[in-house]
Amino acid sequence: MAEEQARQWYLYMLQLASGQLYTGITTDVERRFAEHQSGSAKAAKSLRGKGPLQLVFTCRAGDQSQALRLEARIKKLSRAEKLKVVQQKCLPNDLTAS
């Protein structure tokens, strides 16, 4: 359990072929992106058959609890706000404060 808490979590955003954005969290962005791309059983069901996918944003998100909170906050943003995060390659200060 202590190992899980010490693990670094990341927030990532993918862009689908349709232009839609998908937000998720993981401890290994490359592995998770490969899972989504492959459409395997471990891929998010909502992404299956919607490729090709493009990884457009990633950032450190702290521990799992912090990552879950950040993911929820990002998912509440409008598409325009999410695109701004992607273009600027950083999160607004009001999202990073826990």
PDB file of N, CA and C in Angstrom:
ATOM      1  N   MET A   1       0.821  -1.197   0.000  1.00  0.00           N
ATOM      2  CA  MET A   1       0.000   0.000   0.000  1.00  0.00           C
ATOM      3  C   MET A   1       0.865   1.261   0.000  1.00  0.00           C
ATOM      4  N   ALA A   2       1.954   1.251   0.747  1.00  0.00           N
ATOM      5  CA  ALA A   2       2.844   2.409   0.771  1.00  0.00           C
ATOM      6  C   ALA A   2       3.433   2.655  -0.608  1.00  0.00           C
ATOM      7  N   GLU A   3       3.687   1.578  -1.363  1.00  0.00           N
ATOM      8  CA  GLU A   3       4.205   1.713  -2.726  1.00  0.00           C
ATOM      9  C   GLU A   3       3.215   2.466  -3.605  1.00  0.00           C
ATOM     10  N   GLU A   4       1.932   2.129  -3.500  1.00  0.00           N
ATOM     11  CA  GLU A   4       0.896   2.774  -4.304  1.00  0.00           C
ATOM     12  C   GLU A   4       0.854   4.268  -4.008  1.00  0.00           C
ATOM     13  N   GLN A   5       0.980   4.630  -2.728  1.00  0.00           N
ATOM     14  CA  GLN A   5       0.910   6.026  -2.356  1.00  0.00           C
ATOM     15  C   GLN A   5       2.128   6.794  -2.839  1.00  0.00           C
ATOM     16  N   ALA A   6       3.275   6.141  -2.936  1.00  0.00           N
ATOM     17  CA  ALA A   6       4.501   6.804  -3.350  1.00  0.00           C
ATOM     18  C   ALA A   6       4.599   6.922  -4.872  1.00  0.00           C
ATOM     19  N   ARG A   7       3.800   6.173  -5.586  1.00  0.00           N
ATOM     20  CA  ARG A   7       3.835   6.158  -7.043  1.00  0.00           C
ATOM     21  C   ARG A   7       3.394   7.497  -7.614  1.00  0.00           C
ATOM     22  N   GLN A   8       4.089   7.928  -8.653  1.00  0.00           N
ATOM     23  CA  GLN A   8       3.730   9.180  -9.334  1.00  0.00           C
ATOM     24  C   GLN A   8       2.611   8.926 -10.337  1.00  0.00           C
ATOM     25  N   TRP A   9       1.582   9.728 -10.286  1.00  0.00           N
ATOM     26  CA  TRP A   9       0.451   9.627 -11.204  1.00  0.00           C
ATOM     27  C   TRP A   9       0.512  10.781 -12.191  1.00  0.00           C
ATOM     28  N   TYR A  10      -0.033  10.536 -13.374  1.00  0.00           N
ATOM     29  CA  TYR A  10      -0.040  11.525 -14.447  1.00  0.00           C
ATOM     30  C   TYR A  10      -1.458  11.704 -14.984  1.00  0.00           C
ATOM     31  N   LEU A  11      -1.760  12.912 -15.376  1.00  0.00           N
ATOM     32  CA  LEU A  11      -2.987  13.216 -16.087  1.00  0.00           C
ATOM     33  C   LEU A  11      -2.609  13.286 -17.569  1.00  0.00           C
ATOM     34  N   TYR A  12      -3.470  12.765 -18.429  1.00  0.00           N
ATOM     35  CA  TYR A  12      -3.189  12.846 -19.859  1.00  0.00           C
ATOM     36  C   TYR A  12      -4.466  13.160 -20.615  1.00  0.00           C
ATOM     37  N   MET A  13      -4.297  13.729 -21.806  1.00  0.00           N
ATOM     38  CA  MET A  13      -5.425  13.989 -22.697  1.00  0.00           C
ATOM     39  C   MET A  13      -5.089  13.425 -24.066  1.00  0.00           C
ATOM     40  N   LEU A  14      -6.084  12.747 -24.628  1.00  0.00           N
ATOM     41  CA  LEU A  14      -5.970  12.191 -25.967  1.00  0.00           C
ATOM     42  C   LEU A  14      -6.951  12.915 -26.874  1.00  0.00           C
ATOM     43  N   GLN A  15      -6.567  13.037 -28.137  1.00  0.00           N
ATOM     44  CA  GLN A  15      -7.500  13.563 -29.127  1.00  0.00           C
ATOM     45  C   GLN A  15      -7.885  12.421 -30.052  1.00  0.00           C
ATOM     46  N   LEU A  16      -9.182  12.220 -30.220  1.00  0.00           N
ATOM     47  CA  LEU A  16      -9.701  11.177 -31.086  1.00  0.00           C
ATOM     48  C   LEU A  16      -9.704  11.669 -32.527  1.00  0.00           C
ATOM     49  N   ALA A  17      -9.887  10.748 -33.459  1.00  0.00           N
ATOM     50  CA  ALA A  17      -9.936  11.104 -34.873  1.00  0.00           C
ATOM     51  C   ALA A  17     -11.014  12.149 -35.142  1.00  0.00           C
ATOM     52  N   SER A  18     -12.092  12.114 -34.366  1.00  0.00           N
ATOM     53  CA  SER A  18     -13.202  13.062 -34.524  1.00  0.00           C
ATOM     54  C   SER A  18     -12.871  14.446 -33.968  1.00  0.00           C
ATOM     55  N   GLY A  19     -11.747  14.563 -33.252  1.00  0.00           N
ATOM     56  CA  GLY A  19     -11.373  15.827 -32.623  1.00  0.00           C
ATOM     57  C   GLY A  19     -11.779  15.900 -31.162  1.00  0.00           C
ATOM     58  N   GLN A  20     -12.589  14.955 -30.726  1.00  0.00           N
ATOM     59  CA  GLN A  20     -13.037  14.899 -29.333  1.00  0.00           C
ATOM     60  C   GLN A  20     -11.828  14.680 -28.419  1.00  0.00           C
ATOM     61  N   LEU A  21     -11.893  15.215 -27.197  1.00  0.00           N
ATOM     62  CA  LEU A  21     -10.813  15.044 -26.228  1.00  0.00           C
ATOM     63  C   LEU A  21     -11.225  14.051 -25.150  1.00  0.00           C
ATOM     64  N   TYR A  22     -10.283  13.216 -24.734  1.00  0.00           N
ATOM     65  CA  TYR A  22     -10.493  12.226 -23.676  1.00  0.00           C
ATOM     66  C   TYR A  22      -9.453  12.507 -22.607  1.00  0.00           C
ATOM     67  N   THR A  23      -9.862  12.536 -21.352  1.00  0.00           N
ATOM     68  CA  THR A  23      -8.954  12.789 -20.234  1.00  0.00           C
ATOM     69  C   THR A  23      -8.900  11.570 -19.327  1.00  0.00           C
ATOM     70  N   GLY A  24      -7.694  11.206 -18.882  1.00  0.00           N
ATOM     71  CA  GLY A  24      -7.538  10.081 -17.979  1.00  0.00           C
ATOM     72  C   GLY A  24      -6.324  10.265 -17.087  1.00  0.00           C
ATOM     73  N   ILE A  25      -6.138   9.312 -16.176  1.00  0.00           N
ATOM     74  CA  ILE A  25      -4.961   9.319 -15.293  1.00  0.00           C
ATOM     75  C   ILE A  25      -4.323   7.938 -15.326  1.00  0.00           C
ATOM     76  N   THR A  26      -3.034   7.901 -15.040  1.00  0.00           N
ATOM     77  CA  THR A  26      -2.291   6.650 -15.051  1.00  0.00           C
ATOM     78  C   THR A  26      -0.950   6.841 -14.358  1.00  0.00           C
ATOM     79  N   THR A  27      -0.288   5.732 -14.057  1.00  0.00           N
ATOM     80  CA  THR A  27       1.073   5.804 -13.528  1.00  0.00           C
ATOM     81  C   THR A  27       2.097   5.630 -14.645  1.00  0.00           C
ATOM     82  N   ASP A  28       1.644   5.218 -15.833  1.00  0.00           N
ATOM     83  CA  ASP A  28       2.539   4.987 -16.973  1.00  0.00           C
ATOM     84  C   ASP A  28       1.825   5.433 -18.248  1.00  0.00           C
ATOM     85  N   VAL A  29       2.104   6.634 -18.696  1.00  0.00           N
ATOM     86  CA  VAL A  29       1.400   7.223 -19.836  1.00  0.00           C
ATOM     87  C   VAL A  29       1.635   6.420 -21.115  1.00  0.00           C
ATOM     88  N   GLU A  30       2.870   6.027 -21.383  1.00  0.00           N
ATOM     89  CA  GLU A  30       3.173   5.284 -22.611  1.00  0.00           C
ATOM     90  C   GLU A  30       2.406   3.957 -22.655  1.00  0.00           C
ATOM     91  N   ARG A  31       2.400   3.231 -21.551  1.00  0.00           N
ATOM     92  CA  ARG A  31       1.684   1.953 -21.505  1.00  0.00           C
ATOM     93  C   ARG A  31       0.188   2.160 -21.710  1.00  0.00           C
ATOM     94  N   ARG A  32      -0.376   3.157 -21.018  1.00  0.00           N
ATOM     95  CA  ARG A  32      -1.818   3.391 -21.101  1.00  0.00           C
ATOM     96  C   ARG A  32      -2.215   3.837 -22.507  1.00  0.00           C
ATOM     97  N   PHE A  33      -1.397   4.684 -23.120  1.00  0.00           N
ATOM     98  CA  PHE A  33      -1.681   5.131 -24.487  1.00  0.00           C
ATOM     99  C   PHE A  33      -1.658   3.936 -25.448  1.00  0.00           C
ATOM    100  N   ALA A  34      -0.680   3.048 -25.282  1.00  0.00           N
ATOM    101  CA  ALA A  34      -0.595   1.850 -26.125  1.00  0.00           C
ATOM    102  C   ALA A  34      -1.833   0.972 -25.936  1.00  0.00           C
ATOM    103  N   GLU A  35      -2.310   0.851 -24.707  1.00  0.00           N
ATOM    104  CA  GLU A  35      -3.528   0.072 -24.444  1.00  0.00           C
ATOM    105  C   GLU A  35      -4.727   0.678 -25.177  1.00  0.00           C
ATOM    106  N   HIS A  36      -4.855   1.989 -25.087  1.00  0.00           N
ATOM    107  CA  HIS A  36      -5.965   2.663 -25.768  1.00  0.00           C
ATOM    108  C   HIS A  36      -5.848   2.501 -27.285  1.00  0.00           C
ATOM    109  N   GLN A  37      -4.639   2.685 -27.818  1.00  0.00           N
ATOM    110  CA  GLN A  37      -4.414   2.586 -29.267  1.00  0.00           C
ATOM    111  C   GLN A  37      -4.757   1.199 -29.794  1.00  0.00           C
ATOM    112  N   SER A  38      -4.421   0.176 -29.017  1.00  0.00           N
ATOM    113  CA  SER A  38      -4.623  -1.198 -29.472  1.00  0.00           C
ATOM    114  C   SER A  38      -6.086  -1.625 -29.430  1.00  0.00           C
ATOM    115  N   GLY A  39      -6.880  -0.931 -28.623  1.00  0.00           N
ATOM    116  CA  GLY A  39      -8.281  -1.310 -28.476  1.00  0.00           C
ATOM    117  C   GLY A  39      -8.453  -2.595 -27.687  1.00  0.00           C
ATOM    118  N   SER A  40      -7.438  -2.961 -26.914  1.00  0.00           N
ATOM    119  CA  SER A  40      -7.477  -4.195 -26.124  1.00  0.00           C
ATOM    120  C   SER A  40      -8.533  -4.121 -25.028  1.00  0.00           C
ATOM    121  N   ALA A  41      -8.693  -5.217 -24.328  1.00  0.00           N
ATOM    122  CA  ALA A  41      -9.666  -5.290 -23.238  1.00  0.00           C
ATOM    123  C   ALA A  41      -9.353  -4.271 -22.138  1.00  0.00           C
ATOM    124  N   LYS A  42      -8.103  -3.838 -22.035  1.00  0.00           N
ATOM    125  CA  LYS A  42      -7.717  -2.865 -21.014  1.00  0.00           C
ATOM    126  C   LYS A  42      -7.962  -1.426 -21.459  1.00  0.00           C
ATOM    127  N   ALA A  43      -8.284  -1.229 -22.726  1.00  0.00           N
ATOM    128  CA  ALA A  43      -8.549   0.118 -23.239  1.00  0.00           C
ATOM    129  C   ALA A  43      -9.899   0.608 -22.728  1.00  0.00           C
ATOM    130  N   ALA A  44     -10.028   1.911 -22.618  1.00  0.00           N
ATOM    131  CA  ALA A  44     -11.315   2.487 -22.232  1.00  0.00           C
ATOM    132  C   ALA A  44     -12.341   2.131 -23.312  1.00  0.00           C
ATOM    133  N   LYS A  45     -13.479   1.627 -22.891  1.00  0.00           N
ATOM    134  CA  LYS A  45     -14.520   1.223 -23.850  1.00  0.00           C
ATOM    135  C   LYS A  45     -14.934   2.385 -24.738  1.00  0.00           C
ATOM    136  N   SER A  46     -14.954   3.574 -24.181  1.00  0.00           N
ATOM    137  CA  SER A  46     -15.395   4.740 -24.952  1.00  0.00           C
ATOM    138  C   SER A  46     -14.430   5.110 -26.080  1.00  0.00           C
ATOM    139  N   LEU A  47     -13.206   4.560 -26.055  1.00  0.00           N
ATOM    140  CA  LEU A  47     -12.217   4.878 -27.089  1.00  0.00           C
ATOM    141  C   LEU A  47     -12.108   3.810 -28.166  1.00  0.00           C
ATOM    142  N   ARG A  48     -12.666   2.657 -27.930  1.00  0.00           N
ATOM    143  CA  ARG A  48     -12.531   1.556 -28.887  1.00  0.00           C
ATOM    144  C   ARG A  48     -13.161   1.910 -30.227  1.00  0.00           C
ATOM    145  N   GLY A  49     -12.374   1.729 -31.280  1.00  0.00           N
ATOM    146  CA  GLY A  49     -12.855   2.003 -32.626  1.00  0.00           C
ATOM    147  C   GLY A  49     -12.916   3.475 -32.990  1.00  0.00           C
ATOM    148  N   LYS A  50     -12.329   4.333 -32.158  1.00  0.00           N
ATOM    149  CA  LYS A  50     -12.399   5.768 -32.414  1.00  0.00           C
ATOM    150  C   LYS A  50     -11.043   6.360 -32.764  1.00  0.00           C
ATOM    151  N   GLY A  51     -10.092   5.507 -33.116  1.00  0.00           N
ATOM    152  CA  GLY A  51      -8.752   5.953 -33.438  1.00  0.00           C
ATOM    153  C   GLY A  51      -8.668   6.445 -34.860  1.00  0.00           C
ATOM    154  N   PRO A  52      -7.502   6.910 -35.278  1.00  0.00           N
ATOM    155  CA  PRO A  52      -6.292   6.922 -34.461  1.00  0.00           C
ATOM    156  C   PRO A  52      -6.370   7.967 -33.344  1.00  0.00           C
ATOM    157  N   LEU A  53      -5.672   7.653 -32.286  1.00  0.00           N
ATOM    158  CA  LEU A  53      -5.624   8.538 -31.130  1.00  0.00           C
ATOM    159  C   LEU A  53      -4.305   9.294 -31.134  1.00  0.00           C
ATOM    160  N   GLN A  54      -4.336  10.494 -30.584  1.00  0.00           N
ATOM    161  CA  GLN A  54      -3.122  11.290 -30.472  1.00  0.00           C
ATOM    162  C   GLN A  54      -2.990  11.767 -29.035  1.00  0.00           C
ATOM    163  N   LEU A  55      -1.831  11.532 -28.426  1.00  0.00           N
ATOM    164  CA  LEU A  55      -1.560  12.027 -27.077  1.00  0.00           C
ATOM    165  C   LEU A  55      -1.230  13.513 -27.209  1.00  0.00           C
ATOM    166  N   VAL A  56      -2.081  14.378 -26.642  1.00  0.00           N
ATOM    167  CA  VAL A  56      -1.899  15.817 -26.836  1.00  0.00           C
ATOM    168  C   VAL A  56      -1.469  16.559 -25.578  1.00  0.00           C
ATOM    169  N   PHE A  57      -1.576  15.915 -24.412  1.00  0.00           N
ATOM    170  CA  PHE A  57      -1.195  16.595 -23.175  1.00  0.00           C
ATOM    171  C   PHE A  57      -0.900  15.578 -22.094  1.00  0.00           C
ATOM    172  N   THR A  58       0.116  15.850 -21.299  1.00  0.00           N
ATOM    173  CA  THR A  58       0.421  15.048 -20.125  1.00  0.00           C
ATOM    174  C   THR A  58       1.086  15.930 -19.081  1.00  0.00           C
ATOM    175  N   CYS A  59       0.812  15.641 -17.815  1.00  0.00           N
ATOM    176  CA  CYS A  59       1.476  16.363 -16.731  1.00  0.00           C
ATOM    177  C   CYS A  59       1.448  15.513 -15.467  1.00  0.00           C
ATOM    178  N   ARG A  60       2.370  15.777 -14.575  1.00  0.00           N
ATOM    179  CA  ARG A  60       2.379  15.096 -13.282  1.00  0.00           C
ATOM    180  C   ARG A  60       1.157  15.529 -12.492  1.00  0.00           C
ATOM    181  N   ALA A  61       0.598  14.572 -11.743  1.00  0.00           N
ATOM    182  CA  ALA A  61      -0.623  14.882 -11.001  1.00  0.00           C
ATOM    183  C   ALA A  61      -0.526  14.501  -9.532  1.00  0.00           C
ATOM    184  N   GLY A  62       0.655  14.172  -9.045  1.00  0.00           N
ATOM    185  CA  GLY A  62       0.814  13.825  -7.633  1.00  0.00           C
ATOM    186  C   GLY A  62       0.442  12.381  -7.361  1.00  0.00           C
ATOM    187  N   ASP A  63      -0.142  12.141  -6.191  1.00  0.00           N
ATOM    188  CA  ASP A  63      -0.543  10.772  -5.845  1.00  0.00           C
ATOM    189  C   ASP A  63      -1.901  10.466  -6.486  1.00  0.00           C
ATOM    190  N   GLN A  64      -2.409   9.268  -6.272  1.00  0.00           N
ATOM    191  CA  GLN A  64      -3.644   8.854  -6.922  1.00  0.00           C
ATOM    192  C   GLN A  64      -4.824   9.748  -6.544  1.00  0.00           C
ATOM    193  N   SER A  65      -4.921  10.107  -5.293  1.00  0.00           N
ATOM    194  CA  SER A  65      -6.010  10.955  -4.832  1.00  0.00           C
ATOM    195  C   SER A  65      -5.975  12.322  -5.518  1.00  0.00           C
ATOM    196  N   GLN A  66      -4.804  12.926  -5.584  1.00  0.00           N
ATOM    197  CA  GLN A  66      -4.650  14.221  -6.245  1.00  0.00           C
ATOM    198  C   GLN A  66      -4.978  14.095  -7.730  1.00  0.00           C
ATOM    199  N   ALA A  67      -4.535  12.998  -8.341  1.00  0.00           N
ATOM    200  CA  ALA A  67      -4.781  12.777  -9.771  1.00  0.00           C
ATOM    201  C   ALA A  67      -6.274  12.648 -10.056  1.00  0.00           C
ATOM    202  N   LEU A  68      -6.982  11.927  -9.211  1.00  0.00           N
ATOM    203  CA  LEU A  68      -8.433  11.769  -9.391  1.00  0.00           C
ATOM    204  C   LEU A  68      -9.159  13.112  -9.276  1.00  0.00           C
ATOM    205  N   ARG A  69      -8.733  13.923  -8.321  1.00  0.00           N
ATOM    206  CA  ARG A  69      -9.351  15.243  -8.152  1.00  0.00           C
ATOM    207  C   ARG A  69      -9.072  16.134  -9.363  1.00  0.00           C
ATOM    208  N   LEU A  70      -7.827  16.104  -9.837  1.00  0.00           N
ATOM    209  CA  LEU A  70      -7.456  16.917 -10.997  1.00  0.00           C
ATOM    210  C   LEU A  70      -8.215  16.460 -12.239  1.00  0.00           C
ATOM    211  N   GLU A  71      -8.327  15.152 -12.441  1.00  0.00           N
ATOM    212  CA  GLU A  71      -9.067  14.619 -13.578  1.00  0.00           C
ATOM    213  C   GLU A  71     -10.520  15.107 -13.551  1.00  0.00           C
ATOM    214  N   ALA A  72     -11.144  15.066 -12.395  1.00  0.00           N
ATOM    215  CA  ALA A  72     -12.533  15.518 -12.272  1.00  0.00           C
ATOM    216  C   ALA A  72     -12.654  17.000 -12.620  1.00  0.00           C
ATOM    217  N   ARG A  73     -11.682  17.793 -12.197  1.00  0.00           N
ATOM    218  CA  ARG A  73     -11.720  19.233 -12.485  1.00  0.00           C
ATOM    219  C   ARG A  73     -11.552  19.489 -13.982  1.00  0.00           C
ATOM    220  N   ILE A  74     -10.637  18.762 -14.614  1.00  0.00           N
ATOM    221  CA  ILE A  74     -10.403  18.932 -16.050  1.00  0.00           C
ATOM    222  C   ILE A  74     -11.639  18.532 -16.836  1.00  0.00           C
ATOM    223  N   LYS A  75     -12.279  17.444 -16.438  1.00  0.00           N
ATOM    224  CA  LYS A  75     -13.462  16.966 -17.159  1.00  0.00           C
ATOM    225  C   LYS A  75     -14.617  17.958 -17.095  1.00  0.00           C
ATOM    226  N   LYS A  76     -14.610  18.857 -16.122  1.00  0.00           N
ATOM    227  CA  LYS A  76     -15.660  19.868 -16.002  1.00  0.00           C
ATOM    228  C   LYS A  76     -15.410  21.083 -16.901  1.00  0.00           C
ATOM    229  N   LEU A  77     -14.204  21.191 -17.444  1.00  0.00           N
ATOM    230  CA  LEU A  77     -13.885  22.324 -18.306  1.00  0.00           C
ATOM    231  C   LEU A  77     -14.623  22.222 -19.636  1.00  0.00           C
ATOM    232  N   SER A  78     -14.827  23.359 -20.255  1.00  0.00           N
ATOM    233  CA  SER A  78     -15.408  23.368 -21.598  1.00  0.00           C
ATOM    234  C   SER A  78     -14.344  22.886 -22.592  1.00  0.00           C
ATOM    235  N   ARG A  79     -14.784  22.539 -23.783  1.00  0.00           N
ATOM    236  CA  ARG A  79     -13.840  22.118 -24.824  1.00  0.00           C
ATOM    237  C   ARG A  79     -12.809  23.218 -25.089  1.00  0.00           C
ATOM    238  N   ALA A  80     -13.261  24.459 -25.163  1.00  0.00           N
ATOM    239  CA  ALA A  80     -12.352  25.582 -25.418  1.00  0.00           C
ATOM    240  C   ALA A  80     -11.292  25.691 -24.319  1.00  0.00           C
ATOM    241  N   GLU A  81     -11.712  25.500 -23.070  1.00  0.00           N
ATOM    242  CA  GLU A  81     -10.761  25.572 -21.951  1.00  0.00           C
ATOM    243  C   GLU A  81      -9.760  24.410 -22.018  1.00  0.00           C
ATOM    244  N   LYS A  82     -10.236  23.230 -22.380  1.00  0.00           N
ATOM    245  CA  LYS A  82      -9.339  22.073 -22.520  1.00  0.00           C
ATOM    246  C   LYS A  82      -8.338  22.307 -23.645  1.00  0.00           C
ATOM    247  N   LEU A  83      -8.802  22.847 -24.765  1.00  0.00           N
ATOM    248  CA  LEU A  83      -7.903  23.129 -25.885  1.00  0.00           C
ATOM    249  C   LEU A  83      -6.845  24.157 -25.495  1.00  0.00           C
ATOM    250  N   LYS A  84      -7.223  25.112 -24.666  1.00  0.00           N
ATOM    251  CA  LYS A  84      -6.266  26.112 -24.186  1.00  0.00           C
ATOM    252  C   LYS A  84      -5.174  25.436 -23.347  1.00  0.00           C
ATOM    253  N   VAL A  85      -5.569  24.491 -22.499  1.00  0.00           N
ATOM    254  CA  VAL A  85      -4.597  23.731 -21.699  1.00  0.00           C
ATOM    255  C   VAL A  85      -3.638  22.994 -22.633  1.00  0.00           C
ATOM    256  N   VAL A  86      -4.187  22.347 -23.655  1.00  0.00           N
ATOM    257  CA  VAL A  86      -3.366  21.590 -24.612  1.00  0.00           C
ATOM    258  C   VAL A  86      -2.406  22.522 -25.341  1.00  0.00           C
ATOM    259  N   GLN A  87      -2.900  23.656 -25.827  1.00  0.00           N
ATOM    260  CA  GLN A  87      -2.072  24.594 -26.583  1.00  0.00           C
ATOM    261  C   GLN A  87      -0.972  25.213 -25.728  1.00  0.00           C
ATOM    262  N   GLN A  88      -1.308  25.549 -24.478  1.00  0.00           N
ATOM    263  CA  GLN A  88      -0.323  26.179 -23.596  1.00  0.00           C
ATOM    264  C   GLN A  88       0.584  25.164 -22.910  1.00  0.00           C
ATOM    265  N   LYS A  89       0.214  23.890 -23.001  1.00  0.00           N
ATOM    266  CA  LYS A  89       0.976  22.785 -22.411  1.00  0.00           C
ATOM    267  C   LYS A  89       1.175  22.945 -20.903  1.00  0.00           C
ATOM    268  N   CYS A  90       0.189  23.567 -20.257  1.00  0.00           N
ATOM    269  CA  CYS A  90       0.230  23.675 -18.792  1.00  0.00           C
ATOM    270  C   CYS A  90      -1.180  23.897 -18.261  1.00  0.00           C
ATOM    271  N   LEU A  91      -1.350  23.568 -17.000  1.00  0.00           N
ATOM    272  CA  LEU A  91      -2.642  23.726 -16.337  1.00  0.00           C
ATOM    273  C   LEU A  91      -2.735  25.113 -15.739  1.00  0.00           C
ATOM    274  N   PRO A  92      -3.923  25.705 -15.757  1.00  0.00           N
ATOM    275  CA  PRO A  92      -4.100  26.980 -15.064  1.00  0.00           C
ATOM    276  C   PRO A  92      -3.846  26.817 -13.563  1.00  0.00           C
ATOM    277  N   ASN A  93      -3.372  27.853 -12.923  1.00  0.00           N
ATOM    278  CA  ASN A  93      -3.061  27.786 -11.485  1.00  0.00           C
ATOM    279  C   ASN A  93      -4.245  27.377 -10.641  1.00  0.00           C
ATOM    280  N   ASP A  94      -5.446  27.796 -11.022  1.00  0.00           N
ATOM    281  CA  ASP A  94      -6.609  27.458 -10.202  1.00  0.00           C
ATOM    282  C   ASP A  94      -6.941  25.961 -10.248  1.00  0.00           C
ATOM    283  N   LEU A  95      -6.410  25.224 -11.223  1.00  0.00           N
ATOM    284  CA  LEU A  95      -6.627  23.785 -11.271  1.00  0.00           C
ATOM    285  C   LEU A  95      -5.557  23.018 -10.515  1.00  0.00           C
ATOM    286  N   THR A  96      -4.384  23.571 -10.413  1.00  0.00           N
ATOM    287  CA  THR A  96      -3.304  22.855  -9.745  1.00  0.00           C
ATOM    288  C   THR A  96      -3.347  22.979  -8.233  1.00  0.00           C
ATOM    289  N   ALA A  97      -4.040  23.979  -7.726  1.00  0.00           N
ATOM    290  CA  ALA A  97      -4.165  24.143  -6.275  1.00  0.00           C
ATOM    291  C   ALA A  97      -5.181  23.137  -5.752  1.00  0.00           C
ATOM    292  N   SER A  98      -4.775  22.324  -4.780  1.00  0.00           N
ATOM    293  CA  SER A  98      -5.686  21.306  -4.236  1.00  0.00           C
ATOM    294  C   SER A  98      -6.408  21.797  -3.026  1.00  0.00           C
TER     295      SER A  98
END
